[in-house]
Amino acid sequence: MKGRPGLALAAVLILAPLTACGAGRSAETLHEGSTIDGANAQTGDLRIRDVYLPYPTADRWPAGATIPVYLSVVNTSQTQPDTLTGGSSPIGTVTVSPAGGPPASPSTPSPIPLSTPAVGTNTPVPLPGGQTVDFGAGSQARLVISGTTTPLRAAGFAPITLRFAEAGEVTVEAPVGSGYGPGAPPSGGNSPASGEPSPS
């Protein structure tokens, strides 16, 4: 009988760390997935945030695809407006346009179907002082890579150079996709609005 309290105390000491570990796994952490954060950069007064390409419907975007690019541009100057005049990439043609820009037919080689924001003639996008402009389906503006010259695997990267009228150029390595499945954004990123086209 005298040995039982000691055994009970030992059992408590062994179980305590195990229950402490379990207590830290909330409902949220149990559902967390592996994500790829969007790329960030800055030039002049502009902060470029959460740049990424959406997850392909298979394990890669094929060569010749038209792919929307998601990002946000924050103009930290309260007095100096800027303009995104265009962009370039070694893997395809980059076009930018306001959300209401002229449409064109997107194309994707089979077997992967694709529906993306309209691709139009390159049209400068204003970046007012003290404001944020979002790019992507359902956003204020569009940035699209078309005619890709190489397949892009999920978890790969796409180099994109953005050109601004006042702040100059900046190049980002935009990650491809996220851990939440086709068309899903990285955590905290902008995302296709409900009812808007998405790459699926």
Protein backbone atom coordinates (compact mmCIF):
# COMPACT_ATOMS: atom_id res chain seq x y z
CA MET A 1 0.00 0.00 0.00
CA LYS A 2 2.81 2.38 0.79
CA GLY A 3 4.25 2.01 -2.74
CA ARG A 4 1.04 2.93 -4.54
CA PRO A 5 1.19 6.73 -4.01
CA GLY A 6 4.66 6.70 -5.55
CA LEU A 7 3.41 4.75 -8.57
CA ALA A 8 0.48 7.14 -8.96
CA LEU A 9 2.81 10.16 -8.84
CA ALA A 10 5.08 8.60 -11.47
CA ALA A 11 2.10 7.99 -13.74
CA VAL A 12 1.01 11.63 -13.42
CA LEU A 13 4.49 12.87 -14.25
CA ILE A 14 4.63 10.66 -17.37
CA LEU A 15 1.17 11.66 -18.61
CA ALA A 16 1.53 15.40 -17.96
CA PRO A 17 3.81 16.17 -20.96
CA LEU A 18 1.57 14.12 -23.25
CA THR A 19 -1.55 15.99 -22.26
CA ALA A 20 0.28 19.30 -22.51
CA CYS A 21 1.23 18.51 -26.13
CA GLY A 22 -2.37 17.62 -26.95
CA ALA A 23 -3.65 20.84 -25.40
CA GLY A 24 -1.65 22.88 -27.90
CA ARG A 25 -3.41 21.34 -30.91
CA SER A 26 -6.45 23.52 -31.31
CA ALA A 27 -9.12 22.98 -33.97
CA GLU A 28 -7.35 25.54 -36.12
CA THR A 29 -3.92 23.92 -36.02
CA LEU A 30 -5.43 20.51 -36.75
CA HIS A 31 -6.68 21.84 -40.09
CA GLU A 32 -3.58 23.77 -41.10
CA GLY A 33 -2.06 22.83 -44.44
CA SER A 34 1.28 23.41 -46.08
CA THR A 35 1.19 26.73 -47.91
CA ILE A 36 3.47 28.71 -50.14
CA ASP A 37 3.64 32.35 -49.19
CA GLY A 38 3.52 34.90 -51.97
CA ALA A 39 6.66 36.89 -52.84
CA ASN A 40 7.21 40.42 -51.52
CA ALA A 41 9.34 43.27 -52.86
CA GLN A 42 9.59 47.04 -52.80
CA THR A 43 10.81 49.84 -55.01
CA GLY A 44 10.59 53.52 -54.16
CA ASP A 45 7.35 54.20 -52.30
CA LEU A 46 5.73 51.00 -53.57
CA ARG A 47 5.36 47.80 -51.57
CA ILE A 48 4.57 44.75 -53.70
CA ARG A 49 2.88 42.09 -51.60
CA ASP A 50 1.87 38.42 -51.90
CA VAL A 51 2.78 37.81 -55.56
CA TYR A 52 1.89 34.28 -56.72
CA LEU A 53 0.45 32.18 -59.52
CA PRO A 54 -2.56 30.01 -58.66
CA TYR A 55 -2.28 26.26 -58.19
CA PRO A 56 -2.55 24.32 -61.48
CA THR A 57 -5.42 21.90 -62.00
CA ALA A 58 -2.84 19.12 -62.33
CA ASP A 59 0.69 19.10 -60.96
CA ARG A 60 1.86 21.70 -63.46
CA TRP A 61 0.80 24.47 -65.83
CA PRO A 62 1.69 23.26 -69.36
CA ALA A 63 3.75 25.25 -71.83
CA GLY A 64 1.55 27.67 -73.78
CA ALA A 65 -0.77 28.36 -70.83
CA THR A 66 -2.36 31.68 -69.89
CA ILE A 67 -2.04 32.21 -66.14
CA PRO A 68 -3.36 35.04 -63.94
CA VAL A 69 -0.95 36.52 -61.41
CA TYR A 70 -2.19 37.61 -57.99
CA LEU A 71 -0.58 40.47 -56.07
CA SER A 72 -1.22 43.72 -54.23
CA VAL A 73 0.65 47.00 -54.74
CA VAL A 74 0.66 49.43 -51.81
CA ASN A 75 1.59 53.04 -52.61
CA THR A 76 2.90 54.34 -49.27
CA SER A 77 3.26 57.91 -50.53
CA GLN A 78 0.29 60.06 -49.60
CA THR A 79 1.09 62.64 -52.28
CA GLN A 80 2.86 60.88 -55.18
CA PRO A 81 0.74 58.68 -57.47
CA ASP A 82 2.45 56.07 -59.63
CA THR A 83 1.50 53.77 -62.51
CA LEU A 84 2.21 50.15 -63.34
CA THR A 85 3.11 50.53 -66.99
CA GLY A 86 3.83 46.90 -67.82
CA GLY A 87 5.88 43.86 -67.04
CA SER A 88 8.02 41.10 -68.50
CA SER A 89 9.08 37.54 -67.81
CA PRO A 90 11.50 35.11 -69.48
CA ILE A 91 8.75 32.46 -69.43
CA GLY A 92 5.98 34.32 -71.29
CA THR A 93 4.27 37.57 -72.25
CA VAL A 94 3.11 39.76 -69.37
CA THR A 95 0.13 42.06 -69.84
CA VAL A 96 -1.46 44.41 -67.33
CA SER A 97 -4.80 46.17 -67.50
CA PRO A 98 -7.50 47.66 -65.29
CA ALA A 99 -10.33 45.24 -64.49
CA GLY A 100 -12.45 46.72 -67.25
CA GLY A 101 -9.74 46.35 -69.90
CA PRO A 102 -10.45 44.94 -73.38
CA PRO A 103 -11.01 41.16 -73.35
CA ALA A 104 -9.26 38.52 -75.39
CA SER A 105 -9.69 34.77 -75.51
CA PRO A 106 -7.44 32.89 -73.10
CA SER A 107 -5.96 29.64 -74.36
CA THR A 108 -4.50 26.57 -72.75
CA PRO A 109 -3.17 23.42 -74.40
CA SER A 110 -5.08 20.31 -73.45
CA PRO A 111 -5.43 18.26 -71.33
CA ILE A 112 -5.76 21.04 -68.72
CA PRO A 113 -8.83 23.31 -69.16
CA LEU A 114 -8.42 26.89 -68.00
CA SER A 115 -10.64 29.85 -67.29
CA THR A 116 -8.79 33.04 -66.37
CA PRO A 117 -9.38 36.77 -66.13
CA ALA A 118 -9.60 38.36 -69.57
CA VAL A 119 -6.30 39.06 -71.27
CA GLY A 120 -6.15 42.41 -73.02
CA THR A 121 -3.85 44.91 -74.62
CA ASN A 122 -1.24 46.14 -72.16
CA THR A 123 -2.88 49.12 -70.43
CA PRO A 124 -1.18 51.08 -67.61
CA VAL A 125 -2.78 50.72 -64.18
CA PRO A 126 -2.92 53.81 -61.93
CA LEU A 127 -1.62 53.45 -58.36
CA PRO A 128 -3.06 56.38 -56.34
CA GLY A 129 -1.10 57.73 -53.38
CA GLY A 130 -1.90 56.15 -50.03
CA GLN A 131 -3.91 53.31 -51.57
CA THR A 132 -3.63 49.59 -52.32
CA VAL A 133 -4.44 48.12 -55.72
CA ASP A 134 -5.16 44.38 -55.93
CA PHE A 135 -4.53 42.30 -59.04
CA GLY A 136 -6.41 39.08 -59.80
CA ALA A 137 -9.86 37.71 -60.59
CA GLY A 138 -12.51 39.95 -59.11
CA SER A 139 -9.92 42.62 -58.21
CA GLN A 140 -9.27 46.16 -59.39
CA ALA A 141 -6.75 45.15 -62.07
CA ARG A 142 -5.27 42.20 -63.93
CA LEU A 143 -1.78 40.92 -64.56
CA VAL A 144 -1.49 37.85 -66.79
CA ILE A 145 1.34 35.71 -68.16
CA SER A 146 0.38 34.19 -71.53
CA GLY A 147 2.08 31.87 -73.98
CA THR A 148 4.30 30.32 -71.32
CA THR A 149 7.42 28.79 -72.84
CA THR A 150 7.94 26.08 -70.24
CA PRO A 151 5.77 23.97 -67.92
CA LEU A 152 5.44 25.41 -64.42
CA ARG A 153 5.21 22.87 -61.59
CA ALA A 154 3.32 23.49 -58.38
CA ALA A 155 5.79 24.79 -55.76
CA GLY A 156 8.00 26.16 -58.55
CA PHE A 157 8.74 29.82 -59.24
CA ALA A 158 8.12 32.27 -62.07
CA PRO A 159 10.34 35.37 -62.39
CA ILE A 160 8.31 38.51 -63.14
CA THR A 161 9.63 42.05 -63.63
CA LEU A 162 7.20 44.89 -62.93
CA ARG A 163 7.76 48.36 -64.45
CA PHE A 164 6.50 51.50 -62.74
CA ALA A 165 6.47 55.05 -64.12
CA GLU A 166 8.00 56.64 -61.00
CA ALA A 167 9.45 53.81 -58.89
CA GLY A 168 11.30 52.02 -61.71
CA GLU A 169 11.58 48.25 -62.05
CA VAL A 170 11.52 45.39 -59.57
CA THR A 171 11.77 41.64 -60.16
CA VAL A 172 10.04 39.02 -58.00
CA GLU A 173 10.20 35.23 -57.98
CA ALA A 174 6.49 34.41 -57.84
CA PRO A 175 5.70 30.98 -56.36
CA VAL A 176 3.31 28.68 -58.19
CA GLY A 177 0.33 27.49 -56.19
CA SER A 178 -0.50 26.86 -52.55
CA GLY A 179 -1.21 23.88 -50.32
CA TYR A 180 -5.00 24.38 -50.36
CA GLY A 181 -5.65 23.09 -53.88
CA PRO A 182 -6.45 24.53 -57.33
CA GLY A 183 -6.90 28.27 -57.44
CA ALA A 184 -6.44 28.74 -53.70
CA PRO A 185 -4.31 31.63 -52.43
CA PRO A 186 -1.50 31.48 -49.93
CA SER A 187 -2.49 32.34 -46.36
CA GLY A 188 -3.39 36.01 -46.09
CA GLY A 189 -3.36 36.57 -49.86
CA ASN A 190 -6.04 37.95 -52.11
CA SER A 191 -8.13 35.30 -53.82
CA PRO A 192 -10.56 34.86 -56.70
CA ALA A 193 -13.89 36.35 -55.71
CA SER A 194 -16.95 34.15 -55.54
CA GLY A 195 -18.37 33.68 -59.01
CA GLU A 196 -15.23 34.95 -60.72
CA PRO A 197 -13.23 32.82 -63.14
CA SER A 198 -10.53 30.68 -61.60
CA PRO A 199 -8.02 28.26 -63.08
CA SER A 200 -10.08 25.10 -62.82
